[in-house]
Amino acid sequence: MSELLSEDEVIATVTRLTRSRLVRFVEGEFVKPERAAHGYVFRRVDIARLELLCDLSLDLEFDETALGTVLSLLDQLHAARQDLAAMAHAIDTLPESLRTEILTALKKA
């Protein structure tokens, strides 16, 4: 699979995705593909998001409001995980004495 997929390639890849469903997801800004000269192009992360959108809308019958809420929560969780990883990396670069102090403070919290 190449890095960027066309609309037709996305519909062929995400088997439960129809063109009308793809248009709704793009217009609803549930997925934000890049614009190219020949239309939208989608990244691998867009494919995963479209798979999830199909699961939620078809299997669980989520409406667009529920989809927006779930995606917002997932995006917030993803951002929090990135922040936590950045903090862990920053702490790992500190001297051992400071890391010990931080660990002690976290255990007390």
C-alpha atoms as a PDB file:
ATOM      1  CA  MET A   1       0.000   0.000   0.000  1.00  0.00           C
ATOM      2  CA  SER A   2       1.441   3.398  -0.943  1.00  0.00           C
ATOM      3  CA  GLU A   3       1.537   6.254   1.528  1.00  0.00           C
ATOM      4  CA  LEU A   4      -1.396   8.112  -0.035  1.00  0.00           C
ATOM      5  CA  LEU A   5      -4.538   6.517  -1.421  1.00  0.00           C
ATOM      6  CA  SER A   6      -7.117   7.939  -3.805  1.00  0.00           C
ATOM      7  CA  GLU A   7     -10.836   7.905  -3.050  1.00  0.00           C
ATOM      8  CA  ASP A   8     -11.285   4.820  -5.237  1.00  0.00           C
ATOM      9  CA  GLU A   9      -8.425   3.010  -3.486  1.00  0.00           C
ATOM     10  CA  VAL A  10      -9.906   3.877  -0.081  1.00  0.00           C
ATOM     11  CA  ILE A  11     -13.307   2.507  -1.056  1.00  0.00           C
ATOM     12  CA  ALA A  12     -11.652  -0.687  -2.311  1.00  0.00           C
ATOM     13  CA  THR A  13      -9.569  -0.981   0.876  1.00  0.00           C
ATOM     14  CA  VAL A  14     -12.290  -0.220   3.421  1.00  0.00           C
ATOM     15  CA  THR A  15     -14.748  -2.837   2.251  1.00  0.00           C
ATOM     16  CA  ARG A  16     -17.760  -1.509   4.164  1.00  0.00           C
ATOM     17  CA  LEU A  17     -17.242   2.029   2.923  1.00  0.00           C
ATOM     18  CA  THR A  18     -19.438   3.377   0.165  1.00  0.00           C
ATOM     19  CA  ARG A  19     -18.764   6.546  -1.794  1.00  0.00           C
ATOM     20  CA  SER A  20     -21.761   8.295  -0.195  1.00  0.00           C
ATOM     21  CA  ARG A  21     -20.609   7.259   3.281  1.00  0.00           C
ATOM     22  CA  LEU A  22     -17.092   8.518   2.482  1.00  0.00           C
ATOM     23  CA  VAL A  23     -18.516  11.864   1.349  1.00  0.00           C
ATOM     24  CA  ARG A  24     -20.552  12.137   4.582  1.00  0.00           C
ATOM     25  CA  PHE A  25     -17.491  11.361   6.713  1.00  0.00           C
ATOM     26  CA  VAL A  26     -15.376  13.939   4.864  1.00  0.00           C
ATOM     27  CA  GLU A  27     -18.106  16.607   4.884  1.00  0.00           C
ATOM     28  CA  GLY A  28     -18.705  15.948   8.593  1.00  0.00           C
ATOM     29  CA  GLU A  29     -14.953  16.388   9.136  1.00  0.00           C
ATOM     30  CA  PHE A  30     -14.709  12.978  10.824  1.00  0.00           C
ATOM     31  CA  VAL A  31     -11.776  12.319   8.533  1.00  0.00           C
ATOM     32  CA  LYS A  32      -9.646  15.094   7.048  1.00  0.00           C
ATOM     33  CA  PRO A  33      -7.894  13.930   3.875  1.00  0.00           C
ATOM     34  CA  GLU A  34      -5.432  16.051   1.979  1.00  0.00           C
ATOM     35  CA  ARG A  35      -6.504  17.817  -1.220  1.00  0.00           C
ATOM     36  CA  ALA A  36      -4.704  16.888  -4.411  1.00  0.00           C
ATOM     37  CA  ALA A  37      -5.150  17.993  -8.004  1.00  0.00           C
ATOM     38  CA  HIS A  38      -7.318  14.956  -8.763  1.00  0.00           C
ATOM     39  CA  GLY A  39      -9.365  14.965  -5.524  1.00  0.00           C
ATOM     40  CA  TYR A  40      -8.777  13.833  -1.972  1.00  0.00           C
ATOM     41  CA  VAL A  41      -5.904  11.586  -0.940  1.00  0.00           C
ATOM     42  CA  PHE A  42      -5.954   9.585   2.272  1.00  0.00           C
ATOM     43  CA  ARG A  43      -3.187   8.524   4.661  1.00  0.00           C
ATOM     44  CA  ARG A  44      -2.946   5.223   6.524  1.00  0.00           C
ATOM     45  CA  VAL A  45      -4.320   6.860   9.666  1.00  0.00           C
ATOM     46  CA  ASP A  46      -7.356   7.973   7.647  1.00  0.00           C
ATOM     47  CA  ILE A  47      -7.951   4.349   6.638  1.00  0.00           C
ATOM     48  CA  ALA A  48      -7.955   3.217  10.270  1.00  0.00           C
ATOM     49  CA  ARG A  49     -10.299   6.055  11.180  1.00  0.00           C
ATOM     50  CA  LEU A  50     -12.651   5.160   8.319  1.00  0.00           C
ATOM     51  CA  GLU A  51     -12.685   1.510   9.432  1.00  0.00           C
ATOM     52  CA  LEU A  52     -13.642   2.660  12.939  1.00  0.00           C
ATOM     53  CA  LEU A  53     -16.295   5.008  11.576  1.00  0.00           C
ATOM     54  CA  CYS A  54     -17.837   2.164   9.571  1.00  0.00           C
ATOM     55  CA  ASP A  55     -17.825  -0.103  12.641  1.00  0.00           C
ATOM     56  CA  LEU A  56     -19.442   2.531  14.848  1.00  0.00           C
ATOM     57  CA  SER A  57     -22.031   3.678  12.319  1.00  0.00           C
ATOM     58  CA  LEU A  58     -22.958   0.273  10.890  1.00  0.00           C
ATOM     59  CA  ASP A  59     -22.504  -2.164  13.782  1.00  0.00           C
ATOM     60  CA  LEU A  60     -23.448   0.111  16.667  1.00  0.00           C
ATOM     61  CA  GLU A  61     -25.724   2.415  14.657  1.00  0.00           C
ATOM     62  CA  PHE A  62     -24.110   5.602  15.999  1.00  0.00           C
ATOM     63  CA  ASP A  63     -25.537   8.748  14.460  1.00  0.00           C
ATOM     64  CA  GLU A  64     -23.332  11.664  13.417  1.00  0.00           C
ATOM     65  CA  THR A  65     -23.577  13.328  16.834  1.00  0.00           C
ATOM     66  CA  ALA A  66     -22.414  10.185  18.602  1.00  0.00           C
ATOM     67  CA  LEU A  67     -19.636   9.676  16.038  1.00  0.00           C
ATOM     68  CA  GLY A  68     -18.403  13.207  16.659  1.00  0.00           C
ATOM     69  CA  THR A  69     -18.402  12.673  20.411  1.00  0.00           C
ATOM     70  CA  VAL A  70     -16.547   9.358  20.244  1.00  0.00           C
ATOM     71  CA  LEU A  71     -13.952  10.700  17.803  1.00  0.00           C
ATOM     72  CA  SER A  72     -13.400  13.786  19.938  1.00  0.00           C
ATOM     73  CA  LEU A  73     -12.796  11.612  23.005  1.00  0.00           C
ATOM     74  CA  LEU A  74     -10.426   9.341  21.070  1.00  0.00           C
ATOM     75  CA  ASP A  75      -8.498  12.346  19.764  1.00  0.00           C
ATOM     76  CA  GLN A  76      -8.199  13.719  23.309  1.00  0.00           C
ATOM     77  CA  LEU A  77      -6.987  10.361  24.579  1.00  0.00           C
ATOM     78  CA  HIS A  78      -4.419  10.157  21.793  1.00  0.00           C
ATOM     79  CA  ALA A  79      -3.164  13.678  22.613  1.00  0.00           C
ATOM     80  CA  ALA A  80      -2.925  12.800  26.315  1.00  0.00           C
ATOM     81  CA  ARG A  81      -0.883   9.676  25.495  1.00  0.00           C
ATOM     82  CA  GLN A  82       1.482  11.772  23.370  1.00  0.00           C
ATOM     83  CA  ASP A  83       1.870  14.280  26.216  1.00  0.00           C
ATOM     84  CA  LEU A  84       2.534  11.476  28.700  1.00  0.00           C
ATOM     85  CA  ALA A  85       5.163   9.930  26.428  1.00  0.00           C
ATOM     86  CA  ALA A  86       6.865  13.320  26.039  1.00  0.00           C
ATOM     87  CA  MET A  87       6.910  13.812  29.818  1.00  0.00           C
ATOM     88  CA  ALA A  88       8.274  10.310  30.378  1.00  0.00           C
ATOM     89  CA  HIS A  89      11.029  10.982  27.855  1.00  0.00           C
ATOM     90  CA  ALA A  90      11.871  14.305  29.528  1.00  0.00           C
ATOM     91  CA  ILE A  91      12.000  12.642  32.945  1.00  0.00           C
ATOM     92  CA  ASP A  92      14.266   9.901  31.588  1.00  0.00           C
ATOM     93  CA  THR A  93      16.827  12.551  30.616  1.00  0.00           C
ATOM     94  CA  LEU A  94      17.031  13.962  34.150  1.00  0.00           C
ATOM     95  CA  PRO A  95      19.708  12.996  36.655  1.00  0.00           C
ATOM     96  CA  GLU A  96      18.946   9.906  38.756  1.00  0.00           C
ATOM     97  CA  SER A  97      18.362  11.966  41.914  1.00  0.00           C
ATOM     98  CA  LEU A  98      15.632  14.028  40.259  1.00  0.00           C
ATOM     99  CA  ARG A  99      13.995  10.932  38.738  1.00  0.00           C
ATOM    100  CA  THR A 100      13.901   9.396  42.225  1.00  0.00           C
ATOM    101  CA  GLU A 101      12.300  12.537  43.665  1.00  0.00           C
ATOM    102  CA  ILE A 102       9.671  12.541  40.916  1.00  0.00           C
ATOM    103  CA  LEU A 103       8.906   8.844  41.433  1.00  0.00           C
ATOM    104  CA  THR A 104       8.562   9.424  45.183  1.00  0.00           C
ATOM    105  CA  ALA A 105       6.237  12.375  44.611  1.00  0.00           C
ATOM    106  CA  LEU A 106       4.113  10.362  42.177  1.00  0.00           C
ATOM    107  CA  LYS A 107       3.727   7.549  44.697  1.00  0.00           C
ATOM    108  CA  LYS A 108       2.447  10.052  47.262  1.00  0.00           C
ATOM    109  CA  ALA A 109      -0.054  11.622  44.854  1.00  0.00           C
END
